[in-house]
Amino acid sequence: MQTFGLLVLIHLLYDFHWQGPFIAEFKARSWFLLGAHALTWALCIMAGLALIGAPLPLWKLAFLFVTHFGIDAWKARYTKLSALGAALWIDQSAHLVTLLAISF
């Protein structure tokens, strides 16, 4: 469970703080920027795993990249799902599920 907690912390820091305003705004308009964001996010998660000495199989990096790219691409399309930000809640829940999947 400590692994999951660390990965959630890294996710929240990267997805809400470290990605920067340029990527946050334009990743929805550019497949390249979305891919760069998904890859750097996945690498940060892998760095967190390395920090605690967890195994780093290549499939985890690929899984993290593909799922993050897909989830964020979906969110970019449905950001106006509701005024309350339902897309954000769905997006973040999906990210947490992916982190949970690689935590064990």
N, C-alpha and C. Protein backbone atom coordinates (compact mmCIF):
# COMPACT_ATOMS: atom_id res chain seq x y z
N MET A 1 0.82 -1.19 0.00
CA MET A 1 0.00 0.00 0.00
C MET A 1 0.86 1.26 0.00
N GLN A 2 2.07 1.18 0.55
CA GLN A 2 2.98 2.32 0.51
C GLN A 2 3.36 2.66 -0.92
N THR A 3 3.53 1.64 -1.75
CA THR A 3 3.87 1.87 -3.15
C THR A 3 2.76 2.66 -3.82
N PHE A 4 1.52 2.26 -3.61
CA PHE A 4 0.39 2.95 -4.21
C PHE A 4 0.35 4.41 -3.74
N GLY A 5 0.55 4.63 -2.46
CA GLY A 5 0.55 5.99 -1.91
C GLY A 5 1.62 6.87 -2.56
N LEU A 6 2.82 6.33 -2.74
CA LEU A 6 3.89 7.08 -3.39
C LEU A 6 3.53 7.40 -4.83
N LEU A 7 2.97 6.43 -5.53
CA LEU A 7 2.60 6.65 -6.93
C LEU A 7 1.49 7.68 -7.06
N VAL A 8 0.55 7.67 -6.14
CA VAL A 8 -0.52 8.68 -6.16
C VAL A 8 0.08 10.07 -5.93
N LEU A 9 1.00 10.18 -4.99
CA LEU A 9 1.66 11.46 -4.73
C LEU A 9 2.39 11.96 -5.98
N ILE A 10 3.16 11.09 -6.61
CA ILE A 10 3.87 11.47 -7.84
C ILE A 10 2.87 11.89 -8.91
N HIS A 11 1.81 11.11 -9.06
CA HIS A 11 0.78 11.43 -10.06
C HIS A 11 0.20 12.81 -9.82
N LEU A 12 -0.20 13.08 -8.60
CA LEU A 12 -0.82 14.38 -8.29
C LEU A 12 0.15 15.52 -8.51
N LEU A 13 1.40 15.35 -8.07
CA LEU A 13 2.39 16.40 -8.29
C LEU A 13 2.62 16.65 -9.77
N TYR A 14 2.78 15.57 -10.54
CA TYR A 14 3.07 15.75 -11.96
C TYR A 14 1.85 16.25 -12.73
N ASP A 15 0.71 15.64 -12.53
CA ASP A 15 -0.47 15.98 -13.33
C ASP A 15 -1.03 17.36 -13.00
N PHE A 16 -0.80 17.85 -11.79
CA PHE A 16 -1.37 19.14 -11.41
C PHE A 16 -0.34 20.24 -11.19
N HIS A 17 0.92 19.91 -11.10
CA HIS A 17 1.90 20.95 -10.81
C HIS A 17 3.07 20.94 -11.79
N TRP A 18 3.73 19.82 -11.97
CA TRP A 18 4.97 19.78 -12.73
C TRP A 18 4.79 19.87 -14.23
N GLN A 19 3.61 19.54 -14.77
CA GLN A 19 3.48 19.53 -16.22
C GLN A 19 3.53 20.93 -16.81
N GLY A 20 3.21 21.93 -16.05
CA GLY A 20 3.29 23.31 -16.52
C GLY A 20 2.05 23.74 -17.29
N PRO A 21 1.83 25.04 -17.34
CA PRO A 21 0.62 25.56 -17.96
C PRO A 21 0.57 25.35 -19.48
N PHE A 22 1.71 25.37 -20.15
CA PHE A 22 1.72 25.19 -21.61
C PHE A 22 1.21 23.80 -21.98
N ILE A 23 1.78 22.77 -21.36
CA ILE A 23 1.35 21.40 -21.65
C ILE A 23 -0.10 21.21 -21.22
N ALA A 24 -0.45 21.72 -20.05
CA ALA A 24 -1.82 21.57 -19.56
C ALA A 24 -2.84 22.14 -20.55
N GLU A 25 -2.51 23.26 -21.15
CA GLU A 25 -3.45 23.89 -22.06
C GLU A 25 -3.45 23.27 -23.46
N PHE A 26 -2.28 22.94 -23.97
CA PHE A 26 -2.19 22.54 -25.37
C PHE A 26 -2.14 21.04 -25.64
N LYS A 27 -2.02 20.22 -24.60
CA LYS A 27 -1.97 18.78 -24.86
C LYS A 27 -3.28 18.27 -25.46
N ALA A 28 -4.37 18.98 -25.22
CA ALA A 28 -5.66 18.58 -25.79
C ALA A 28 -5.73 18.87 -27.29
N ARG A 29 -4.83 19.71 -27.79
CA ARG A 29 -4.86 20.11 -29.20
C ARG A 29 -3.76 19.48 -30.03
N SER A 30 -2.84 18.79 -29.38
CA SER A 30 -1.67 18.26 -30.09
C SER A 30 -1.39 16.83 -29.64
N TRP A 31 -1.43 15.90 -30.60
CA TRP A 31 -1.09 14.50 -30.27
C TRP A 31 0.35 14.41 -29.77
N PHE A 32 1.24 15.22 -30.35
CA PHE A 32 2.65 15.19 -29.93
C PHE A 32 2.79 15.61 -28.48
N LEU A 33 2.17 16.74 -28.11
CA LEU A 33 2.26 17.21 -26.72
C LEU A 33 1.59 16.25 -25.75
N LEU A 34 0.47 15.67 -26.18
CA LEU A 34 -0.19 14.68 -25.34
C LEU A 34 0.72 13.47 -25.13
N GLY A 35 1.37 13.03 -26.20
CA GLY A 35 2.30 11.91 -26.09
C GLY A 35 3.50 12.23 -25.21
N ALA A 36 4.03 13.45 -25.36
CA ALA A 36 5.16 13.88 -24.52
C ALA A 36 4.75 13.91 -23.05
N HIS A 37 3.55 14.42 -22.80
CA HIS A 37 3.04 14.46 -21.42
C HIS A 37 2.88 13.06 -20.87
N ALA A 38 2.25 12.17 -21.65
CA ALA A 38 2.02 10.80 -21.17
C ALA A 38 3.34 10.07 -20.92
N LEU A 39 4.32 10.28 -21.80
CA LEU A 39 5.61 9.62 -21.63
C LEU A 39 6.36 10.15 -20.41
N THR A 40 6.41 11.46 -20.23
CA THR A 40 7.14 12.00 -19.07
C THR A 40 6.44 11.64 -17.77
N TRP A 41 5.10 11.59 -17.80
CA TRP A 41 4.36 11.14 -16.61
C TRP A 41 4.72 9.69 -16.29
N ALA A 42 4.70 8.84 -17.31
CA ALA A 42 5.02 7.42 -17.10
C ALA A 42 6.45 7.26 -16.58
N LEU A 43 7.38 8.05 -17.10
CA LEU A 43 8.77 7.98 -16.63
C LEU A 43 8.90 8.44 -15.18
N CYS A 44 8.12 9.44 -14.79
CA CYS A 44 8.13 9.89 -13.39
C CYS A 44 7.59 8.79 -12.47
N ILE A 45 6.54 8.12 -12.90
CA ILE A 45 6.00 7.02 -12.11
C ILE A 45 7.04 5.90 -12.00
N MET A 46 7.70 5.58 -13.11
CA MET A 46 8.75 4.55 -13.09
C MET A 46 9.91 4.96 -12.18
N ALA A 47 10.24 6.25 -12.17
CA ALA A 47 11.31 6.73 -11.27
C ALA A 47 10.90 6.53 -9.82
N GLY A 48 9.64 6.74 -9.52
CA GLY A 48 9.15 6.48 -8.17
C GLY A 48 9.27 5.02 -7.80
N LEU A 49 8.96 4.14 -8.74
CA LEU A 49 9.13 2.71 -8.50
C LEU A 49 10.60 2.36 -8.29
N ALA A 50 11.46 2.96 -9.09
CA ALA A 50 12.91 2.71 -8.94
C ALA A 50 13.40 3.19 -7.58
N LEU A 51 12.87 4.30 -7.13
CA LEU A 51 13.26 4.88 -5.84
C LEU A 51 13.03 3.92 -4.68
N ILE A 52 11.98 3.13 -4.77
CA ILE A 52 11.68 2.19 -3.68
C ILE A 52 12.19 0.78 -3.97
N GLY A 53 12.91 0.64 -5.07
CA GLY A 53 13.50 -0.66 -5.40
C GLY A 53 12.55 -1.66 -6.01
N ALA A 54 11.45 -1.19 -6.55
CA ALA A 54 10.48 -2.10 -7.19
C ALA A 54 11.02 -2.54 -8.55
N PRO A 55 10.61 -3.69 -9.02
CA PRO A 55 11.02 -4.13 -10.36
C PRO A 55 10.48 -3.17 -11.42
N LEU A 56 11.25 -3.02 -12.50
CA LEU A 56 10.88 -2.08 -13.55
C LEU A 56 10.74 -2.76 -14.91
N PRO A 57 9.80 -3.68 -15.03
CA PRO A 57 9.63 -4.32 -16.34
C PRO A 57 9.13 -3.31 -17.37
N LEU A 58 9.55 -3.50 -18.60
CA LEU A 58 9.19 -2.59 -19.68
C LEU A 58 7.68 -2.53 -19.90
N TRP A 59 6.96 -3.61 -19.61
CA TRP A 59 5.52 -3.60 -19.82
C TRP A 59 4.84 -2.55 -18.94
N LYS A 60 5.42 -2.28 -17.76
CA LYS A 60 4.81 -1.26 -16.89
C LYS A 60 4.92 0.12 -17.53
N LEU A 61 6.07 0.43 -18.09
CA LEU A 61 6.24 1.72 -18.76
C LEU A 61 5.26 1.83 -19.93
N ALA A 62 5.17 0.77 -20.73
CA ALA A 62 4.25 0.79 -21.88
C ALA A 62 2.80 0.92 -21.41
N PHE A 63 2.43 0.17 -20.39
CA PHE A 63 1.07 0.22 -19.84
C PHE A 63 0.74 1.63 -19.34
N LEU A 64 1.67 2.21 -18.58
CA LEU A 64 1.45 3.55 -18.04
C LEU A 64 1.30 4.59 -19.16
N PHE A 65 2.18 4.50 -20.15
CA PHE A 65 2.12 5.45 -21.27
C PHE A 65 0.80 5.33 -22.02
N VAL A 66 0.46 4.12 -22.42
CA VAL A 66 -0.75 3.91 -23.23
C VAL A 66 -2.01 4.31 -22.47
N THR A 67 -2.11 3.91 -21.21
CA THR A 67 -3.32 4.24 -20.46
C THR A 67 -3.42 5.74 -20.18
N HIS A 68 -2.30 6.36 -19.84
CA HIS A 68 -2.35 7.80 -19.56
C HIS A 68 -2.71 8.57 -20.83
N PHE A 69 -2.11 8.18 -21.94
CA PHE A 69 -2.41 8.81 -23.22
C PHE A 69 -3.91 8.66 -23.54
N GLY A 70 -4.42 7.46 -23.40
CA GLY A 70 -5.83 7.21 -23.71
C GLY A 70 -6.78 7.95 -22.80
N ILE A 71 -6.49 7.94 -21.51
CA ILE A 71 -7.36 8.62 -20.54
C ILE A 71 -7.37 10.12 -20.80
N ASP A 72 -6.19 10.71 -21.01
CA ASP A 72 -6.13 12.15 -21.25
C ASP A 72 -6.72 12.53 -22.61
N ALA A 73 -6.59 11.66 -23.60
CA ALA A 73 -7.21 11.93 -24.90
C ALA A 73 -8.73 11.93 -24.74
N TRP A 74 -9.26 10.99 -23.97
CA TRP A 74 -10.69 10.95 -23.70
C TRP A 74 -11.13 12.23 -23.00
N LYS A 75 -10.37 12.62 -21.95
CA LYS A 75 -10.73 13.81 -21.18
C LYS A 75 -10.70 15.05 -22.06
N ALA A 76 -9.73 15.14 -22.95
CA ALA A 76 -9.64 16.31 -23.83
C ALA A 76 -10.90 16.43 -24.70
N ARG A 77 -11.46 15.30 -25.05
CA ARG A 77 -12.67 15.32 -25.88
C ARG A 77 -13.92 15.63 -25.07
N TYR A 78 -13.95 15.23 -23.80
CA TYR A 78 -15.16 15.37 -22.99
C TYR A 78 -15.01 16.30 -21.79
N THR A 79 -14.18 17.31 -21.90
CA THR A 79 -13.97 18.21 -20.75
C THR A 79 -15.21 18.99 -20.38
N LYS A 80 -16.14 19.14 -21.28
CA LYS A 80 -17.36 19.88 -20.97
C LYS A 80 -18.50 18.92 -20.59
N LEU A 81 -18.15 17.81 -19.98
CA LEU A 81 -19.13 16.81 -19.59
C LEU A 81 -20.17 17.39 -18.63
N SER A 82 -19.71 18.24 -17.72
CA SER A 82 -20.64 18.91 -16.81
C SER A 82 -19.93 20.10 -16.19
N ALA A 83 -20.72 21.01 -15.67
CA ALA A 83 -20.15 22.19 -15.01
C ALA A 83 -19.39 21.82 -13.75
N LEU A 84 -19.71 20.67 -13.16
CA LEU A 84 -19.05 20.25 -11.93
C LEU A 84 -17.74 19.52 -12.18
N GLY A 85 -17.38 19.33 -13.44
CA GLY A 85 -16.12 18.68 -13.75
C GLY A 85 -16.15 17.18 -13.66
N ALA A 86 -17.23 16.56 -14.11
CA ALA A 86 -17.32 15.10 -14.06
C ALA A 86 -16.18 14.45 -14.83
N ALA A 87 -15.76 15.08 -15.93
CA ALA A 87 -14.66 14.52 -16.72
C ALA A 87 -13.38 14.44 -15.88
N LEU A 88 -13.14 15.44 -15.06
CA LEU A 88 -11.95 15.43 -14.19
C LEU A 88 -12.03 14.27 -13.20
N TRP A 89 -13.19 14.04 -12.61
CA TRP A 89 -13.34 12.95 -11.64
C TRP A 89 -13.17 11.59 -12.31
N ILE A 90 -13.74 11.44 -13.49
CA ILE A 90 -13.60 10.18 -14.23
C ILE A 90 -12.14 9.98 -14.61
N ASP A 91 -11.50 11.04 -15.11
CA ASP A 91 -10.09 11.01 -15.50
C ASP A 91 -9.21 10.59 -14.33
N GLN A 92 -9.37 11.24 -13.21
CA GLN A 92 -8.52 10.94 -12.05
C GLN A 92 -8.80 9.55 -11.50
N SER A 93 -10.04 9.13 -11.50
CA SER A 93 -10.37 7.77 -11.04
C SER A 93 -9.70 6.73 -11.94
N ALA A 94 -9.73 6.95 -13.23
CA ALA A 94 -9.10 6.02 -14.17
C ALA A 94 -7.59 5.98 -13.95
N HIS A 95 -6.98 7.14 -13.69
CA HIS A 95 -5.53 7.16 -13.41
C HIS A 95 -5.22 6.38 -12.13
N LEU A 96 -6.05 6.52 -11.12
CA LEU A 96 -5.82 5.79 -9.87
C LEU A 96 -5.93 4.28 -10.08
N VAL A 97 -6.84 3.86 -10.91
CA VAL A 97 -6.97 2.43 -11.22
C VAL A 97 -5.70 1.92 -11.90
N THR A 98 -5.14 2.70 -12.82
CA THR A 98 -3.91 2.25 -13.48
C THR A 98 -2.75 2.17 -12.50
N LEU A 99 -2.69 3.13 -11.57
CA LEU A 99 -1.62 3.08 -10.58
C LEU A 99 -1.79 1.89 -9.64
N LEU A 100 -3.01 1.62 -9.30
CA LEU A 100 -3.30 0.45 -8.46
C LEU A 100 -2.89 -0.83 -9.16
N ALA A 101 -3.12 -0.90 -10.45
CA ALA A 101 -2.80 -2.10 -11.23
C ALA A 101 -1.30 -2.40 -11.25
N ILE A 102 -0.46 -1.38 -11.19
CA ILE A 102 0.98 -1.65 -11.23
C ILE A 102 1.64 -1.62 -9.86
N SER A 103 0.86 -1.38 -8.83
CA SER A 103 1.42 -1.28 -7.48
C SER A 103 1.78 -2.61 -6.87
N PHE A 104 1.25 -3.69 -7.42
CA PHE A 104 1.47 -5.00 -6.81
C PHE A 104 2.19 -5.94 -7.73
